[in-house]
PDB file of N, CA and C in Angstrom:
ATOM      1  N   MET A   1     324.862 302.112 -36.425  1.00  0.00           N
ATOM      2  CA  MET A   1     323.928 302.530 -37.439  1.00  0.00           C
ATOM      3  C   MET A   1     322.565 302.846 -36.808  1.00  0.00           C
ATOM      4  N   LEU A   2     322.078 301.924 -35.973  1.00  0.00           N
ATOM      5  CA  LEU A   2     320.783 302.116 -35.328  1.00  0.00           C
ATOM      6  C   LEU A   2     320.813 303.325 -34.390  1.00  0.00           C
ATOM      7  N   PHE A   3     321.936 303.513 -33.701  1.00  0.00           N
ATOM      8  CA  PHE A   3     322.083 304.672 -32.823  1.00  0.00           C
ATOM      9  C   PHE A   3     322.004 305.969 -33.619  1.00  0.00           C
ATOM     10  N   THR A   4     322.640 306.000 -34.785  1.00  0.00           N
ATOM     11  CA  THR A   4     322.630 307.199 -35.623  1.00  0.00           C
ATOM     12  C   THR A   4     321.215 307.532 -36.096  1.00  0.00           C
ATOM     13  N   ILE A   5     320.460 306.512 -36.491  1.00  0.00           N
ATOM     14  CA  ILE A   5     319.081 306.739 -36.926  1.00  0.00           C
ATOM     15  C   ILE A   5     318.240 307.268 -35.770  1.00  0.00           C
ATOM     16  N   GLY A   6     318.386 306.672 -34.590  1.00  0.00           N
ATOM     17  CA  GLY A   6     317.659 307.155 -33.422  1.00  0.00           C
ATOM     18  C   GLY A   6     318.038 308.575 -33.057  1.00  0.00           C
ATOM     19  N   LEU A   7     319.307 308.894 -33.158  1.00  0.00           N
ATOM     20  CA  LEU A   7     319.778 310.250 -32.867  1.00  0.00           C
ATOM     21  C   LEU A   7     319.170 311.268 -33.827  1.00  0.00           C
ATOM     22  N   LEU A   8     319.182 310.946 -35.115  1.00  0.00           N
ATOM     23  CA  LEU A   8     318.610 311.860 -36.111  1.00  0.00           C
ATOM     24  C   LEU A   8     317.105 312.031 -35.920  1.00  0.00           C
ATOM     25  N   LEU A   9     316.406 310.939 -35.619  1.00  0.00           N
ATOM     26  CA  LEU A   9     314.966 311.046 -35.377  1.00  0.00           C
ATOM     27  C   LEU A   9     314.682 311.889 -34.135  1.00  0.00           C
ATOM     28  N   ALA A  10     315.471 311.700 -33.073  1.00  0.00           N
ATOM     29  CA  ALA A  10     315.255 312.463 -31.842  1.00  0.00           C
ATOM     30  C   ALA A  10     315.491 313.951 -32.068  1.00  0.00           C
ATOM     31  N   ILE A  11     316.460 314.302 -32.887  1.00  0.00           N
ATOM     32  CA  ILE A  11     316.770 315.717 -33.110  1.00  0.00           C
ATOM     33  C   ILE A  11     315.782 316.367 -34.075  1.00  0.00           C
ATOM     34  N   PHE A  12     315.432 315.678 -35.167  1.00  0.00           N
ATOM     35  CA  PHE A  12     314.639 316.321 -36.210  1.00  0.00           C
ATOM     36  C   PHE A  12     313.134 316.059 -36.126  1.00  0.00           C
ATOM     37  N   VAL A  13     312.695 315.023 -35.430  1.00  0.00           N
ATOM     38  CA  VAL A  13     311.266 314.708 -35.390  1.00  0.00           C
ATOM     39  C   VAL A  13     310.617 315.253 -34.131  1.00  0.00           C
ATOM     40  N   LEU A  14     311.274 315.127 -32.993  1.00  0.00           N
ATOM     41  CA  LEU A  14     310.706 315.628 -31.747  1.00  0.00           C
ATOM     42  C   LEU A  14     310.792 317.151 -31.707  1.00  0.00           C
ATOM     43  N   PRO A  15     309.871 317.794 -30.994  1.00  0.00           N
ATOM     44  CA  PRO A  15     309.962 319.254 -30.856  1.00  0.00           C
ATOM     45  C   PRO A  15     311.294 319.659 -30.225  1.00  0.00           C
ATOM     46  N   GLN A  16     311.730 320.875 -30.476  1.00  0.00           N
ATOM     47  CA  GLN A  16     313.073 321.353 -30.157  1.00  0.00           C
ATOM     48  C   GLN A  16     313.600 321.000 -28.768  1.00  0.00           C
ATOM     49  N   PRO A  17     312.983 321.329 -27.663  1.00  0.00           N
ATOM     50  CA  PRO A  17     313.670 320.987 -26.406  1.00  0.00           C
ATOM     51  C   PRO A  17     313.628 319.496 -26.113  1.00  0.00           C
ATOM     52  N   TRP A  18     312.606 318.780 -26.589  1.00  0.00           N
ATOM     53  CA  TRP A  18     312.478 317.358 -26.242  1.00  0.00           C
ATOM     54  C   TRP A  18     313.445 316.470 -27.018  1.00  0.00           C
ATOM     55  N   GLY A  19     313.876 316.880 -28.175  1.00  0.00           N
ATOM     56  CA  GLY A  19     314.860 316.111 -28.932  1.00  0.00           C
ATOM     57  C   GLY A  19     316.185 316.033 -28.196  1.00  0.00           C
ATOM     58  N   LEU A  20     316.628 317.173 -27.667  1.00  0.00           N
ATOM     59  CA  LEU A  20     317.881 317.195 -26.905  1.00  0.00           C
ATOM     60  C   LEU A  20     317.740 316.433 -25.591  1.00  0.00           C
ATOM     61  N   VAL A  21     316.568 316.528 -24.952  1.00  0.00           N
ATOM     62  CA  VAL A  21     316.327 315.768 -23.719  1.00  0.00           C
ATOM     63  C   VAL A  21     316.383 314.273 -23.999  1.00  0.00           C
ATOM     64  N   ALA A  22     315.796 313.824 -25.116  1.00  0.00           N
ATOM     65  CA  ALA A  22     315.818 312.408 -25.476  1.00  0.00           C
ATOM     66  C   ALA A  22     317.243 311.927 -25.752  1.00  0.00           C
ATOM     67  N   VAL A  23     318.029 312.737 -26.427  1.00  0.00           N
ATOM     68  CA  VAL A  23     319.425 312.372 -26.707  1.00  0.00           C
ATOM     69  C   VAL A  23     320.222 312.282 -25.410  1.00  0.00           C
ATOM     70  N   ALA A  24     320.044 313.252 -24.516  1.00  0.00           N
ATOM     71  CA  ALA A  24     320.770 313.231 -23.232  1.00  0.00           C
ATOM     72  C   ALA A  24     320.344 312.035 -22.382  1.00  0.00           C
ATOM     73  N   ALA A  25     319.034 311.752 -22.341  1.00  0.00           N
ATOM     74  CA  ALA A  25     318.550 310.609 -21.553  1.00  0.00           C
ATOM     75  C   ALA A  25     319.064 309.298 -22.121  1.00  0.00           C
ATOM     76  N   GLY A  26     319.068 309.172 -23.440  1.00  0.00           N
ATOM     77  CA  GLY A  26     319.578 307.952 -24.074  1.00  0.00           C
ATOM     78  C   GLY A  26     321.066 307.756 -23.834  1.00  0.00           C
ATOM     79  N   GLY A  27     321.828 308.842 -23.929  1.00  0.00           N
ATOM     80  CA  GLY A  27     323.270 308.753 -23.667  1.00  0.00           C
ATOM     81  C   GLY A  27     323.564 308.373 -22.235  1.00  0.00           C
ATOM     82  N   THR A  28     322.819 308.985 -21.297  1.00  0.00           N
ATOM     83  CA  THR A  28     323.002 308.656 -19.871  1.00  0.00           C
ATOM     84  C   THR A  28     322.657 307.199 -19.607  1.00  0.00           C
ATOM     85  N   LEU A  29     321.546 306.733 -20.173  1.00  0.00           N
ATOM     86  CA  LEU A  29     321.138 305.343 -19.999  1.00  0.00           C
ATOM     87  C   LEU A  29     322.186 304.390 -20.563  1.00  0.00           C
ATOM     88  N   ASP A  30     322.757 304.729 -21.713  1.00  0.00           N
ATOM     89  CA  ASP A  30     323.782 303.888 -22.326  1.00  0.00           C
ATOM     90  C   ASP A  30     325.036 303.812 -21.454  1.00  0.00           C
ATOM     91  N   ILE A  31     325.456 304.929 -20.889  1.00  0.00           N
ATOM     92  CA  ILE A  31     326.642 304.944 -20.026  1.00  0.00           C
ATOM     93  C   ILE A  31     326.399 304.144 -18.747  1.00  0.00           C
ATOM     94  N   VAL A  32     325.229 304.316 -18.139  1.00  0.00           N
ATOM     95  CA  VAL A  32     324.906 303.576 -16.910  1.00  0.00           C
ATOM     96  C   VAL A  32     324.832 302.079 -17.205  1.00  0.00           C
ATOM     97  N   GLU A  33     324.185 301.707 -18.305  1.00  0.00           N
ATOM     98  CA  GLU A  33     324.078 300.290 -18.668  1.00  0.00           C
ATOM     99  C   GLU A  33     325.461 299.674 -18.896  1.00  0.00           C
ATOM    100  N   THR A  34     326.329 300.371 -19.578  1.00  0.00           N
ATOM    101  CA  THR A  34     327.686 299.875 -19.819  1.00  0.00           C
ATOM    102  C   THR A  34     328.439 299.692 -18.501  1.00  0.00           C
ATOM    103  N   GLY A  35     328.321 300.658 -17.596  1.00  0.00           N
ATOM    104  CA  GLY A  35     328.997 300.546 -16.301  1.00  0.00           C
ATOM    105  C   GLY A  35     328.489 299.385 -15.471  1.00  0.00           C
ATOM    106  N   VAL A  36     327.180 299.196 -15.448  1.00  0.00           N
ATOM    107  CA  VAL A  36     326.611 298.084 -14.673  1.00  0.00           C
ATOM    108  C   VAL A  36     327.042 296.751 -15.262  1.00  0.00           C
ATOM    109  N   LEU A  37     326.992 296.581 -16.562  1.00  0.00           N
ATOM    110  CA  LEU A  37     327.407 295.318 -17.181  1.00  0.00           C
ATOM    111  C   LEU A  37     328.899 295.065 -16.990  1.00  0.00           C
ATOM    112  N   TRP A  38     329.720 296.106 -17.030  1.00  0.00           N
ATOM    113  CA  TRP A  38     331.153 295.939 -16.777  1.00  0.00           C
ATOM    114  C   TRP A  38     331.390 295.480 -15.344  1.00  0.00           C
ATOM    115  N   TRP A  39     330.702 296.127 -14.382  1.00  0.00           N
ATOM    116  CA  TRP A  39     330.831 295.728 -12.975  1.00  0.00           C
ATOM    117  C   TRP A  39     330.365 294.292 -12.785  1.00  0.00           C
ATOM    118  N   TRP A  40     329.258 293.905 -13.398  1.00  0.00           N
ATOM    119  CA  TRP A  40     328.701 292.557 -13.261  1.00  0.00           C
ATOM    120  C   TRP A  40     329.670 291.510 -13.793  1.00  0.00           C
ATOM    121  N   SER A  41     330.340 291.793 -14.899  1.00  0.00           N
ATOM    122  CA  SER A  41     331.249 290.818 -15.497  1.00  0.00           C
ATOM    123  C   SER A  41     332.533 290.644 -14.694  1.00  0.00           C
ATOM    124  N   LYS A  42     332.902 291.610 -13.863  1.00  0.00           N
ATOM    125  CA  LYS A  42     334.143 291.537 -13.095  1.00  0.00           C
ATOM    126  C   LYS A  42     333.950 290.928 -11.707  1.00  0.00           C
ATOM    127  N   ARG A  43     332.743 290.506 -11.348  1.00  0.00           N
ATOM    128  CA  ARG A  43     332.501 290.004  -9.997  1.00  0.00           C
ATOM    129  C   ARG A  43     333.200 288.680  -9.731  1.00  0.00           C
ATOM    130  N   TRP A  44     333.265 287.790 -10.696  1.00  0.00           N
ATOM    131  CA  TRP A  44     333.886 286.479 -10.495  1.00  0.00           C
ATOM    132  C   TRP A  44     335.029 286.291 -11.468  1.00  0.00           C
ATOM    133  N   ARG A  45     336.062 285.651 -10.980  1.00  0.00           N
ATOM    134  CA  ARG A  45     337.165 285.280 -11.858  1.00  0.00           C
ATOM    135  C   ARG A  45     336.840 283.940 -12.493  1.00  0.00           C
ATOM    136  N   ALA A  46     337.237 283.766 -13.726  1.00  0.00           N
ATOM    137  CA  ALA A  46     336.982 282.513 -14.427  1.00  0.00           C
ATOM    138  C   ALA A  46     337.856 281.409 -13.839  1.00  0.00           C
ATOM    139  N   ALA A  47     337.244 280.261 -13.588  1.00  0.00           N
ATOM    140  CA  ALA A  47     337.983 279.114 -13.082  1.00  0.00           C
ATOM    141  C   ALA A  47     338.485 278.310 -14.277  1.00  0.00           C
ATOM    142  N   VAL A  48     339.782 278.396 -14.532  1.00  0.00           N
ATOM    143  CA  VAL A  48     340.366 277.690 -15.667  1.00  0.00           C
ATOM    144  C   VAL A  48     341.595 276.928 -15.213  1.00  0.00           C
ATOM    145  N   GLY A  49     341.983 275.944 -15.988  1.00  0.00           N
ATOM    146  CA  GLY A  49     343.166 275.160 -15.681  1.00  0.00           C
ATOM    147  C   GLY A  49     342.856 273.991 -14.775  1.00  0.00           C
ATOM    148  N   ILE A  50     343.804 273.118 -14.650  1.00  0.00           N
ATOM    149  CA  ILE A  50     343.602 271.898 -13.879  1.00  0.00           C
ATOM    150  C   ILE A  50     343.503 272.183 -12.387  1.00  0.00           C
ATOM    151  N   ASP A  51     344.075 273.305 -11.919  1.00  0.00           N
ATOM    152  CA  ASP A  51     343.998 273.639 -10.505  1.00  0.00           C
ATOM    153  C   ASP A  51     342.577 273.978 -10.063  1.00  0.00           C
ATOM    154  N   SER A  52     341.684 274.239 -10.997  1.00  0.00           N
ATOM    155  CA  SER A  52     340.297 274.530 -10.637  1.00  0.00           C
ATOM    156  C   SER A  52     339.556 273.273 -10.168  1.00  0.00           C
ATOM    157  N   PHE A  53     340.164 272.105 -10.306  1.00  0.00           N
ATOM    158  CA  PHE A  53     339.535 270.863  -9.857  1.00  0.00           C
ATOM    159  C   PHE A  53     339.644 270.647  -8.348  1.00  0.00           C
ATOM    160  N   VAL A  54     340.552 271.332  -7.687  1.00  0.00           N
ATOM    161  CA  VAL A  54     340.750 271.138  -6.244  1.00  0.00           C
ATOM    162  C   VAL A  54     339.466 271.498  -5.505  1.00  0.00           C
ATOM    163  N   GLY A  55     338.984 270.551  -4.686  1.00  0.00           N
ATOM    164  CA  GLY A  55     337.765 270.750  -3.918  1.00  0.00           C
ATOM    165  C   GLY A  55     336.517 270.209  -4.599  1.00  0.00           C
ATOM    166  N   ARG A  56     336.603 269.812  -5.844  1.00  0.00           N
ATOM    167  CA  ARG A  56     335.441 269.309  -6.562  1.00  0.00           C
ATOM    168  C   ARG A  56     335.256 267.821  -6.289  1.00  0.00           C
ATOM    169  N   THR A  57     334.043 267.346  -6.492  1.00  0.00           N
ATOM    170  CA  THR A  57     333.741 265.936  -6.247  1.00  0.00           C
ATOM    171  C   THR A  57     333.538 265.206  -7.563  1.00  0.00           C
ATOM    172  N   GLY A  58     333.787 263.918  -7.526  1.00  0.00           N
ATOM    173  CA  GLY A  58     333.608 263.063  -8.691  1.00  0.00           C
ATOM    174  C   GLY A  58     333.339 261.641  -8.243  1.00  0.00           C
ATOM    175  N   VAL A  59     333.346 260.721  -9.198  1.00  0.00           N
ATOM    176  CA  VAL A  59     333.072 259.318  -8.923  1.00  0.00           C
ATOM    177  C   VAL A  59     334.225 258.489  -9.475  1.00  0.00           C
ATOM    178  N   ALA A  60     334.698 257.538  -8.681  1.00  0.00           N
ATOM    179  CA  ALA A  60     335.758 256.644  -9.134  1.00  0.00           C
ATOM    180  C   ALA A  60     335.175 255.687 -10.168  1.00  0.00           C
ATOM    181  N   THR A  61     335.737 255.681 -11.373  1.00  0.00           N
ATOM    182  CA  THR A  61     335.247 254.778 -12.419  1.00  0.00           C
ATOM    183  C   THR A  61     335.988 253.450 -12.399  1.00  0.00           C
ATOM    184  N   SER A  62     337.114 253.398 -11.719  1.00  0.00           N
ATOM    185  CA  SER A  62     337.844 252.147 -11.502  1.00  0.00           C
ATOM    186  C   SER A  62     338.356 252.167 -10.069  1.00  0.00           C
ATOM    187  N   SER A  63     338.768 251.004  -9.590  1.00  0.00           N
ATOM    188  CA  SER A  63     339.267 250.964  -8.211  1.00  0.00           C
ATOM    189  C   SER A  63     340.575 251.749  -8.120  1.00  0.00           C
ATOM    190  N   LEU A  64     340.717 252.487  -7.036  1.00  0.00           N
ATOM    191  CA  LEU A  64     341.893 253.323  -6.813  1.00  0.00           C
ATOM    192  C   LEU A  64     342.739 252.673  -5.715  1.00  0.00           C
ATOM    193  N   TRP A  65     343.572 251.684  -6.096  1.00  0.00           N
ATOM    194  CA  TRP A  65     344.436 251.003  -5.129  1.00  0.00           C
ATOM    195  C   TRP A  65     345.865 251.053  -5.606  1.00  0.00           C
ATOM    196  N   PRO A  66     346.625 252.037  -5.546  1.00  0.00           N
ATOM    197  CA  PRO A  66     346.316 253.416  -5.202  1.00  0.00           C
ATOM    198  C   PRO A  66     345.945 254.262  -6.413  1.00  0.00           C
ATOM    199  N   GLU A  67     346.162 253.766  -7.665  1.00  0.00           N
ATOM    200  CA  GLU A  67     345.866 254.606  -8.828  1.00  0.00           C
ATOM    201  C   GLU A  67     344.746 254.013  -9.659  1.00  0.00           C
ATOM    202  N   GLY A  68     344.035 254.899 -10.341  1.00  0.00           N
ATOM    203  CA  GLY A  68     342.933 254.487 -11.201  1.00  0.00           C
ATOM    204  C   GLY A  68     342.389 255.699 -11.927  1.00  0.00           C
ATOM    205  N   GLN A  69     341.073 255.689 -12.187  1.00  0.00           N
ATOM    206  CA  GLN A  69     340.453 256.787 -12.909  1.00  0.00           C
ATOM    207  C   GLN A  69     339.222 257.284 -12.170  1.00  0.00           C
ATOM    208  N   VAL A  70     338.983 258.591 -12.298  1.00  0.00           N
ATOM    209  CA  VAL A  70     337.785 259.203 -11.728  1.00  0.00           C
ATOM    210  C   VAL A  70     337.088 260.001 -12.824  1.00  0.00           C
ATOM    211  N   LYS A  71     335.777 260.202 -12.652  1.00  0.00           N
ATOM    212  CA  LYS A  71     334.992 260.974 -13.598  1.00  0.00           C
ATOM    213  C   LYS A  71     334.485 262.223 -12.894  1.00  0.00           C
ATOM    214  N   ILE A  72     334.847 263.396 -13.455  1.00  0.00           N
ATOM    215  CA  ILE A  72     334.431 264.684 -12.904  1.00  0.00           C
ATOM    216  C   ILE A  72     333.822 265.483 -14.055  1.00  0.00           C
ATOM    217  N   ASP A  73     332.564 265.856 -13.905  1.00  0.00           N
ATOM    218  CA  ASP A  73     331.836 266.620 -14.927  1.00  0.00           C
ATOM    219  C   ASP A  73     331.947 265.979 -16.304  1.00  0.00           C
ATOM    220  N   GLY A  74     331.805 264.673 -16.370  1.00  0.00           N
ATOM    221  CA  GLY A  74     331.814 263.981 -17.645  1.00  0.00           C
ATOM    222  C   GLY A  74     333.189 263.710 -18.221  1.00  0.00           C
ATOM    223  N   GLU A  75     334.252 264.133 -17.559  1.00  0.00           N
ATOM    224  CA  GLU A  75     335.612 263.900 -18.041  1.00  0.00           C
ATOM    225  C   GLU A  75     336.288 262.864 -17.154  1.00  0.00           C
ATOM    226  N   ILE A  76     337.024 261.970 -17.769  1.00  0.00           N
ATOM    227  CA  ILE A  76     337.739 260.933 -17.018  1.00  0.00           C
ATOM    228  C   ILE A  76     339.188 261.361 -16.843  1.00  0.00           C
ATOM    229  N   TRP A  77     339.652 261.313 -15.579  1.00  0.00           N
ATOM    230  CA  TRP A  77     341.002 261.739 -15.226  1.00  0.00           C
ATOM    231  C   TRP A  77     341.725 260.617 -14.493  1.00  0.00           C
ATOM    232  N   ARG A  78     343.038 260.594 -14.628  1.00  0.00           N
ATOM    233  CA  ARG A  78     343.866 259.678 -13.853  1.00  0.00           C
ATOM    234  C   ARG A  78     343.934 260.216 -12.438  1.00  0.00           C
ATOM    235  N   ALA A  79     343.813 259.314 -11.460  1.00  0.00           N
ATOM    236  CA  ALA A  79     343.785 259.760 -10.063  1.00  0.00           C
ATOM    237  C   ALA A  79     344.531 258.780  -9.175  1.00  0.00           C
ATOM    238  N   ARG A  80     344.907 259.291  -8.003  1.00  0.00           N
ATOM    239  CA  ARG A  80     345.580 258.478  -6.992  1.00  0.00           C
ATOM    240  C   ARG A  80     344.913 258.736  -5.650  1.00  0.00           C
ATOM    241  N   CYS A  81     344.653 257.667  -4.929  1.00  0.00           N
ATOM    242  CA  CYS A  81     344.034 257.761  -3.606  1.00  0.00           C
ATOM    243  C   CYS A  81     344.917 256.998  -2.629  1.00  0.00           C
ATOM    244  N   ALA A  82     345.488 257.687  -1.654  1.00  0.00           N
ATOM    245  CA  ALA A  82     346.428 257.069  -0.718  1.00  0.00           C
ATOM    246  C   ALA A  82     345.770 255.946   0.075  1.00  0.00           C
ATOM    247  N   GLY A  83     344.542 256.165   0.535  1.00  0.00           N
ATOM    248  CA  GLY A  83     343.843 255.154   1.317  1.00  0.00           C
ATOM    249  C   GLY A  83     343.178 254.102   0.460  1.00  0.00           C
ATOM    250  N   GLY A  84     343.010 254.393  -0.816  1.00  0.00           N
ATOM    251  CA  GLY A  84     342.368 253.475  -1.733  1.00  0.00           C
ATOM    252  C   GLY A  84     340.851 253.516  -1.610  1.00  0.00           C
ATOM    253  N   CYS A  85     340.174 253.190  -2.698  1.00  0.00           N
ATOM    254  CA  CYS A  85     338.713 253.081  -2.703  1.00  0.00           C
ATOM    255  C   CYS A  85     338.289 252.259  -3.912  1.00  0.00           C
ATOM    256  N   ASP A  86     337.065 251.773  -3.871  1.00  0.00           N
ATOM    257  CA  ASP A  86     336.531 250.932  -4.946  1.00  0.00           C
ATOM    258  C   ASP A  86     335.837 251.791  -6.002  1.00  0.00           C
ATOM    259  N   ALA A  87     335.554 251.160  -7.141  1.00  0.00           N
ATOM    260  CA  ALA A  87     334.828 251.842  -8.210  1.00  0.00           C
ATOM    261  C   ALA A  87     333.429 252.224  -7.723  1.00  0.00           C
ATOM    262  N   GLY A  88     332.963 253.386  -8.141  1.00  0.00           N
ATOM    263  CA  GLY A  88     331.646 253.868  -7.741  1.00  0.00           C
ATOM    264  C   GLY A  88     331.648 254.733  -6.491  1.00  0.00           C
ATOM    265  N   THR A  89     332.783 254.863  -5.833  1.00  0.00           N
ATOM    266  CA  THR A  89     332.889 255.675  -4.624  1.00  0.00           C
ATOM    267  C   THR A  89     332.987 257.151  -4.986  1.00  0.00           C
ATOM    268  N   ASN A  90     332.271 257.982  -4.255  1.00  0.00           N
ATOM    269  CA  ASN A  90     332.401 259.436  -4.443  1.00  0.00           C
ATOM    270  C   ASN A  90     333.734 259.880  -3.852  1.00  0.00           C
ATOM    271  N   VAL A  91     334.446 260.721  -4.600  1.00  0.00           N
ATOM    272  CA  VAL A  91     335.766 261.186  -4.162  1.00  0.00           C
ATOM    273  C   VAL A  91     335.827 262.706  -4.255  1.00  0.00           C
ATOM    274  N   VAL A  92     336.752 263.289  -3.482  1.00  0.00           N
ATOM    275  CA  VAL A  92     337.001 264.724  -3.481  1.00  0.00           C
ATOM    276  C   VAL A  92     338.453 264.955  -3.887  1.00  0.00           C
ATOM    277  N   VAL A  93     338.672 265.898  -4.796  1.00  0.00           N
ATOM    278  CA  VAL A  93     340.023 266.207  -5.255  1.00  0.00           C
ATOM    279  C   VAL A  93     340.704 267.071  -4.202  1.00  0.00           C
ATOM    280  N   ARG A  94     341.868 266.615  -3.708  1.00  0.00           N
ATOM    281  CA  ARG A  94     342.625 267.353  -2.689  1.00  0.00           C
ATOM    282  C   ARG A  94     343.766 268.165  -3.275  1.00  0.00           C
ATOM    283  N   SER A  95     344.402 267.652  -4.326  1.00  0.00           N
ATOM    284  CA  SER A  95     345.491 268.387  -4.976  1.00  0.00           C
ATOM    285  C   SER A  95     345.703 267.812  -6.366  1.00  0.00           C
ATOM    286  N   VAL A  96     346.615 268.448  -7.105  1.00  0.00           N
ATOM    287  CA  VAL A  96     346.921 268.034  -8.468  1.00  0.00           C
ATOM    288  C   VAL A  96     348.433 267.902  -8.582  1.00  0.00           C
ATOM    289  N   GLU A  97     348.889 266.787  -9.119  1.00  0.00           N
ATOM    290  CA  GLU A  97     350.318 266.563  -9.365  1.00  0.00           C
ATOM    291  C   GLU A  97     350.483 266.225 -10.834  1.00  0.00           C
ATOM    292  N   GLY A  98     350.941 267.183 -11.616  1.00  0.00           N
ATOM    293  CA  GLY A  98     351.019 266.996 -13.065  1.00  0.00           C
ATOM    294  C   GLY A  98     349.609 266.923 -13.626  1.00  0.00           C
ATOM    295  N   LEU A  99     349.279 265.788 -14.253  1.00  0.00           N
ATOM    296  CA  LEU A  99     347.921 265.560 -14.735  1.00  0.00           C
ATOM    297  C   LEU A  99     347.215 264.485 -13.929  1.00  0.00           C
ATOM    298  N   THR A 100     347.741 264.179 -12.762  1.00  0.00           N
ATOM    299  CA  THR A 100     347.127 263.191 -11.872  1.00  0.00           C
ATOM    300  C   THR A 100     346.460 263.909 -10.719  1.00  0.00           C
ATOM    301  N   LEU A 101     345.202 263.568 -10.464  1.00  0.00           N
ATOM    302  CA  LEU A 101     344.454 264.156  -9.352  1.00  0.00           C
ATOM    303  C   LEU A 101     344.682 263.318  -8.109  1.00  0.00           C
ATOM    304  N   VAL A 102     344.983 263.952  -7.000  1.00  0.00           N
ATOM    305  CA  VAL A 102     345.120 263.271  -5.706  1.00  0.00           C
ATOM    306  C   VAL A 102     343.770 263.431  -5.011  1.00  0.00           C
ATOM    307  N   VAL A 103     343.103 262.275  -4.740  1.00  0.00           N
ATOM    308  CA  VAL A 103     341.750 262.304  -4.220  1.00  0.00           C
ATOM    309  C   VAL A 103     341.661 261.546  -2.896  1.00  0.00           C
ATOM    310  N   ASP A 104     340.583 261.848  -2.173  1.00  0.00           N
ATOM    311  CA  ASP A 104     340.212 261.125  -0.954  1.00  0.00           C
ATOM    312  C   ASP A 104     338.753 260.738  -1.084  1.00  0.00           C
ATOM    313  N   PRO A 105     338.341 259.641  -0.450  1.00  0.00           N
ATOM    314  CA  PRO A 105     336.918 259.296  -0.479  1.00  0.00           C
ATOM    315  C   PRO A 105     336.099 260.418   0.185  1.00  0.00           C
ATOM    316  N   ALA A 106     334.932 260.693  -0.402  1.00  0.00           N
ATOM    317  CA  ALA A 106     334.086 261.787   0.128  1.00  0.00           C
ATOM    318  C   ALA A 106     333.386 261.357   1.404  1.00  0.00           C
TER     319      ALA A 106
END
């Protein structure tokens, strides 16, 4: 709707050659803006799913001898640590098995 009003004003209010120049400039700007925003949105893939936790760090909320819980970004997950660690230890997620995170002390 707003584009239509701007188009009509550019054609009927501006003097004859400048109305068409304004419409062409606006259309070109709109196409360039759309292309840049499309390119910008495609630069990174969204990290979704439990596999996105691999490599992230968290804190053990209970002792992991060998299983317990860890907190990553405010969420508590079941975890297993082969070497074991105490509560409060920083851990790094190495892999995911089902819904259990396999972690190592950081």
